[in-house]
Amino acid sequence: MNKEMNGNEEGVREMRVDYVYKVVVIGDSAVGKSQLLSRFAKNEFSLDSKSTIGVEFQTRTLNIKSKVIKAQIWDTAGQERYRAVTSAYYRGALGAVVVYDITKRQTFDHVARWVDELRAHADTSIVIMLIGNKADLADKRAVTTEHAVEFAQEQGLFFSEASALSGDNVESAFLKVLEEIYSIASKKTLDGNNPNGKLNGHDPSTLKGSKIDVISGSDLEISEMKKLSNCSC
């Protein structure tokens, strides 16, 4: 898998980048935000990872629908003392990943606050994925999948349980966000609202008509839960 990923990455780097998408990762401290990002961006996991201080970001370039997409993924500390960075942190973000720890109920209880903060500072069309991290610790689970799915349905979020340690569902969750952003950009172009075909964070289209997907299990099975109340499809 590593060889295939690296080979694909090398080939992509030689090509012109068609789009750059900014995605932010948010959630309480110690839920594994940096580890998820590291797993997706570099396919790495560090057992001695330290808490993020301030804001960091990593990038990964990949092909989506025959286009070269550069994902610029921002990671911030979950501690309260760093919350002042929000307005600048969210500016221009087309996607967001909200993370909680399935073994710590409090981190899930705080998700609603994180989503509210995101919607207060980001564009209303932002694509949001909720990830329950540390799925490898299912025997210590404090948050049921059903409860998380219900919350995602109510909020109109995509949802996945994943493991930064094993890598299960990490790739599929981040790719779902990027593919949805690309889908929005393509629809906008077809509608004639964006003659340049570019989505740069300043003029995204709405997410109307998208569906809530749940990515669960090590086999990466995706199940459609229901359509949003304003879905016209």
Protein backbone atom coordinates (compact mmCIF):
# COMPACT_ATOMS: atom_id res chain seq x y z
CA MET A 1 0.00 0.00 0.00
CA ASN A 2 2.82 2.38 0.86
CA LYS A 3 4.54 1.77 -2.47
CA GLU A 4 1.34 2.37 -4.38
CA MET A 5 0.62 5.54 -2.46
CA ASN A 6 4.14 6.89 -2.86
CA GLY A 7 4.22 6.05 -6.55
CA ASN A 8 0.93 7.81 -7.12
CA GLU A 9 2.08 10.82 -5.10
CA GLU A 10 5.29 11.13 -7.13
CA GLY A 11 3.35 11.01 -10.38
CA VAL A 12 0.88 13.62 -9.15
CA ARG A 13 3.64 15.98 -8.03
CA GLU A 14 4.96 16.14 -11.58
CA MET A 15 1.60 17.41 -12.84
CA ARG A 16 0.09 20.85 -12.66
CA VAL A 17 -2.22 21.34 -9.70
CA ASP A 18 -5.78 22.11 -10.82
CA TYR A 19 -7.27 22.96 -7.43
CA VAL A 20 -6.12 23.73 -3.91
CA TYR A 21 -8.63 22.90 -1.19
CA LYS A 22 -8.25 24.05 2.39
CA VAL A 23 -9.62 21.64 5.00
CA VAL A 24 -9.55 22.29 8.76
CA VAL A 25 -9.42 19.67 11.51
CA ILE A 26 -11.03 20.55 14.84
CA GLY A 27 -11.99 18.87 18.10
CA ASP A 28 -10.93 18.55 21.72
CA SER A 29 -7.31 18.10 22.73
CA ALA A 30 -5.88 14.54 22.60
CA VAL A 31 -8.61 13.05 20.38
CA GLY A 32 -6.01 12.27 17.70
CA LYS A 33 -6.44 15.12 15.22
CA SER A 34 -2.74 15.35 14.40
CA GLN A 35 -2.43 11.59 14.14
CA LEU A 36 -5.33 11.39 11.69
CA LEU A 37 -3.77 14.12 9.61
CA SER A 38 -0.37 12.46 9.68
CA ARG A 39 -1.91 9.14 8.66
CA PHE A 40 -3.69 10.71 5.70
CA ALA A 41 -0.92 13.07 4.57
CA LYS A 42 2.10 10.79 5.10
CA ASN A 43 0.67 7.40 6.09
CA GLU A 44 2.52 7.71 9.40
CA PHE A 45 1.61 7.24 13.06
CA SER A 46 3.77 8.28 16.01
CA LEU A 47 3.29 6.65 19.41
CA ASP A 48 5.05 9.56 21.14
CA SER A 49 3.12 12.35 19.44
CA LYS A 50 2.96 15.60 21.41
CA SER A 51 0.05 18.04 21.63
CA THR A 52 -0.19 20.57 18.82
CA ILE A 53 0.84 24.09 19.80
CA GLY A 54 -1.03 26.78 17.88
CA VAL A 55 -1.69 25.91 14.23
CA GLU A 56 0.06 23.53 11.82
CA PHE A 57 -0.77 22.23 8.38
CA GLN A 58 0.22 19.45 6.01
CA THR A 59 -0.50 18.87 2.35
CA ARG A 60 -1.18 15.96 0.09
CA THR A 61 -1.62 16.03 -3.68
CA LEU A 62 -3.80 13.42 -5.34
CA ASN A 63 -6.02 12.70 -8.32
CA ILE A 64 -9.78 13.11 -8.06
CA LYS A 65 -11.91 12.61 -11.15
CA SER A 66 -8.85 13.08 -13.40
CA LYS A 67 -8.00 16.40 -11.72
CA VAL A 68 -4.92 17.11 -9.63
CA ILE A 69 -6.07 18.27 -6.20
CA LYS A 70 -3.76 19.66 -3.54
CA ALA A 71 -5.32 19.27 -0.10
CA GLN A 72 -4.03 21.81 2.40
CA ILE A 73 -5.13 20.43 5.76
CA TRP A 74 -4.89 22.62 8.86
CA ASP A 75 -4.59 21.26 12.38
CA THR A 76 -5.04 23.33 15.52
CA ALA A 77 -4.71 22.69 19.24
CA GLY A 78 -7.95 21.81 21.02
CA GLN A 79 -7.08 23.68 24.21
CA GLU A 80 -9.15 26.72 25.12
CA ARG A 81 -6.14 29.05 25.16
CA TYR A 82 -5.74 28.62 21.42
CA ARG A 83 -9.36 29.30 20.49
CA ALA A 84 -8.59 32.92 19.54
CA VAL A 85 -7.24 31.73 16.18
CA THR A 86 -10.69 30.73 14.93
CA SER A 87 -11.62 33.47 12.45
CA ALA A 88 -8.32 33.30 10.56
CA TYR A 89 -8.16 29.52 10.90
CA TYR A 90 -11.54 28.95 9.26
CA ARG A 91 -11.20 31.61 6.58
CA GLY A 92 -11.28 30.08 3.09
CA ALA A 93 -11.91 26.54 4.35
CA LEU A 94 -13.99 24.42 1.99
CA GLY A 95 -14.06 21.36 4.21
CA ALA A 96 -13.80 20.47 7.88
CA VAL A 97 -13.16 17.32 9.88
CA VAL A 98 -14.58 17.34 13.42
CA VAL A 99 -12.92 14.68 15.59
CA TYR A 100 -13.88 13.04 18.87
CA ASP A 101 -12.51 10.05 20.78
CA ILE A 102 -14.96 7.12 20.91
CA THR A 103 -13.53 6.15 24.33
CA LYS A 104 -14.13 9.56 25.92
CA ARG A 105 -17.76 10.65 26.12
CA GLN A 106 -16.89 14.25 26.96
CA THR A 107 -15.11 14.75 23.64
CA PHE A 108 -18.30 13.73 21.82
CA ASP A 109 -20.43 15.95 24.05
CA HIS A 110 -18.29 18.89 22.92
CA VAL A 111 -18.79 18.15 19.20
CA ALA A 112 -21.96 20.25 19.02
CA ARG A 113 -19.99 23.25 20.28
CA TRP A 114 -17.27 22.67 17.71
CA VAL A 115 -19.85 22.44 14.91
CA ASP A 116 -21.55 25.63 16.10
CA GLU A 117 -18.21 27.43 16.18
CA LEU A 118 -17.36 26.16 12.71
CA ARG A 119 -20.65 27.35 11.27
CA ALA A 120 -20.27 30.72 12.96
CA HIS A 121 -16.89 31.38 11.36
CA ALA A 122 -16.87 29.36 8.11
CA ASP A 123 -18.94 29.58 4.95
CA THR A 124 -22.35 27.94 5.22
CA SER A 125 -21.53 25.61 2.32
CA ILE A 126 -18.53 24.01 4.03
CA VAL A 127 -18.38 20.20 3.77
CA ILE A 128 -18.22 18.66 7.26
CA MET A 129 -17.09 15.16 8.20
CA LEU A 130 -17.52 13.88 11.77
CA ILE A 131 -14.90 11.28 12.73
CA GLY A 132 -14.99 9.08 15.81
CA ASN A 133 -11.29 8.29 16.21
CA LYS A 134 -9.64 5.35 18.04
CA ALA A 135 -12.01 2.75 16.63
CA ASP A 136 -9.28 0.21 17.39
CA LEU A 137 -10.25 0.63 21.08
CA ALA A 138 -13.82 -0.58 20.58
CA ASP A 139 -13.68 -2.56 23.83
CA LYS A 140 -13.34 0.76 25.68
CA ARG A 141 -16.08 2.49 23.73
CA ALA A 142 -17.99 5.26 25.55
CA VAL A 143 -19.89 6.60 22.52
CA THR A 144 -22.12 4.27 20.49
CA THR A 145 -22.02 4.37 16.72
CA GLU A 146 -25.80 4.74 16.68
CA HIS A 147 -25.69 7.85 18.83
CA ALA A 148 -23.03 9.44 16.63
CA VAL A 149 -24.97 8.56 13.47
CA GLU A 150 -28.11 10.16 14.93
CA PHE A 151 -26.19 13.35 15.70
CA ALA A 152 -24.67 13.40 12.19
CA GLN A 153 -28.12 13.00 10.66
CA GLU A 154 -29.53 15.85 12.71
CA GLN A 155 -26.65 18.15 11.80
CA GLY A 156 -26.34 17.13 8.13
CA LEU A 157 -22.78 15.82 8.49
CA PHE A 158 -20.91 12.98 6.88
CA PHE A 159 -19.78 10.44 9.49
CA SER A 160 -17.05 7.85 9.94
CA GLU A 161 -15.43 5.91 12.71
CA ALA A 162 -11.72 5.56 12.06
CA SER A 163 -8.41 4.58 13.59
CA ALA A 164 -5.32 6.70 13.11
CA LEU A 165 -3.33 3.82 14.63
CA SER A 166 -4.42 1.14 12.16
CA GLY A 167 -5.34 3.51 9.33
CA ASP A 168 -8.85 2.05 8.98
CA ASN A 169 -11.25 4.50 7.28
CA VAL A 170 -8.84 7.46 7.49
CA GLU A 171 -8.23 7.57 3.74
CA SER A 172 -11.90 7.14 2.86
CA ALA A 173 -13.06 9.83 5.30
CA PHE A 174 -10.71 12.53 4.03
CA LEU A 175 -11.26 11.55 0.41
CA LYS A 176 -15.03 11.83 0.92
CA VAL A 177 -14.58 15.44 2.02
CA LEU A 178 -12.34 16.28 -0.95
CA GLU A 179 -14.59 14.50 -3.44
CA GLU A 180 -17.63 16.34 -2.13
CA ILE A 181 -15.82 19.68 -2.46
CA TYR A 182 -14.91 18.77 -6.03
CA SER A 183 -18.51 17.76 -6.75
CA ILE A 184 -19.71 21.14 -5.52
CA ALA A 185 -17.15 22.93 -7.69
CA SER A 186 -18.16 20.89 -10.75
CA LYS A 187 -21.85 21.59 -10.22
CA LYS A 188 -21.11 25.27 -9.86
CA THR A 189 -19.21 25.26 -13.15
CA LEU A 190 -22.01 23.40 -14.96
CA ASP A 191 -24.54 25.86 -13.60
CA GLY A 192 -22.54 28.67 -15.17
CA ASN A 193 -21.91 30.41 -11.87
CA ASN A 194 -18.16 29.97 -11.99
CA PRO A 195 -16.75 30.49 -15.50
CA ASN A 196 -13.19 29.70 -14.44
CA GLY A 197 -14.17 26.36 -12.94
CA LYS A 198 -12.16 27.16 -9.83
CA LEU A 199 -13.27 26.94 -6.23
CA ASN A 200 -10.82 28.89 -4.08
CA GLY A 201 -12.66 29.34 -0.82
CA HIS A 202 -14.12 32.75 -1.55
CA ASP A 203 -17.14 31.75 -3.59
CA PRO A 204 -18.21 28.15 -2.90
CA SER A 205 -21.57 26.82 -3.99
CA THR A 206 -24.15 25.34 -1.64
CA LEU A 207 -24.24 21.75 -0.49
CA LYS A 208 -27.92 21.37 -1.31
CA GLY A 209 -28.85 17.92 -2.52
CA SER A 210 -25.98 16.01 -0.94
CA LYS A 211 -26.65 12.96 1.18
CA ILE A 212 -25.47 11.88 4.61
CA ASP A 213 -23.09 8.95 4.26
CA VAL A 214 -21.79 6.80 7.07
CA ILE A 215 -18.38 5.22 6.56
CA SER A 216 -18.01 2.38 9.03
CA GLY A 217 -16.20 -0.91 9.49
CA SER A 218 -12.76 -1.97 8.35
CA ASP A 219 -14.13 -2.88 4.92
CA LEU A 220 -14.83 0.82 4.29
CA GLU A 221 -18.50 0.09 3.56
CA ILE A 222 -20.45 3.27 2.86
CA SER A 223 -24.15 3.32 3.72
CA GLU A 224 -26.56 6.06 2.77
CA MET A 225 -28.58 7.11 5.84
CA LYS A 226 -31.03 9.67 4.52
CA LYS A 227 -31.30 12.80 2.42
CA LEU A 228 -31.08 16.27 3.89
CA SER A 229 -34.43 17.95 4.44
CA ASN A 230 -33.71 20.42 1.61
CA CYS A 231 -32.58 17.77 -0.84
CA SER A 232 -33.96 18.29 -4.33
CA CYS A 233 -32.51 15.12 -5.87
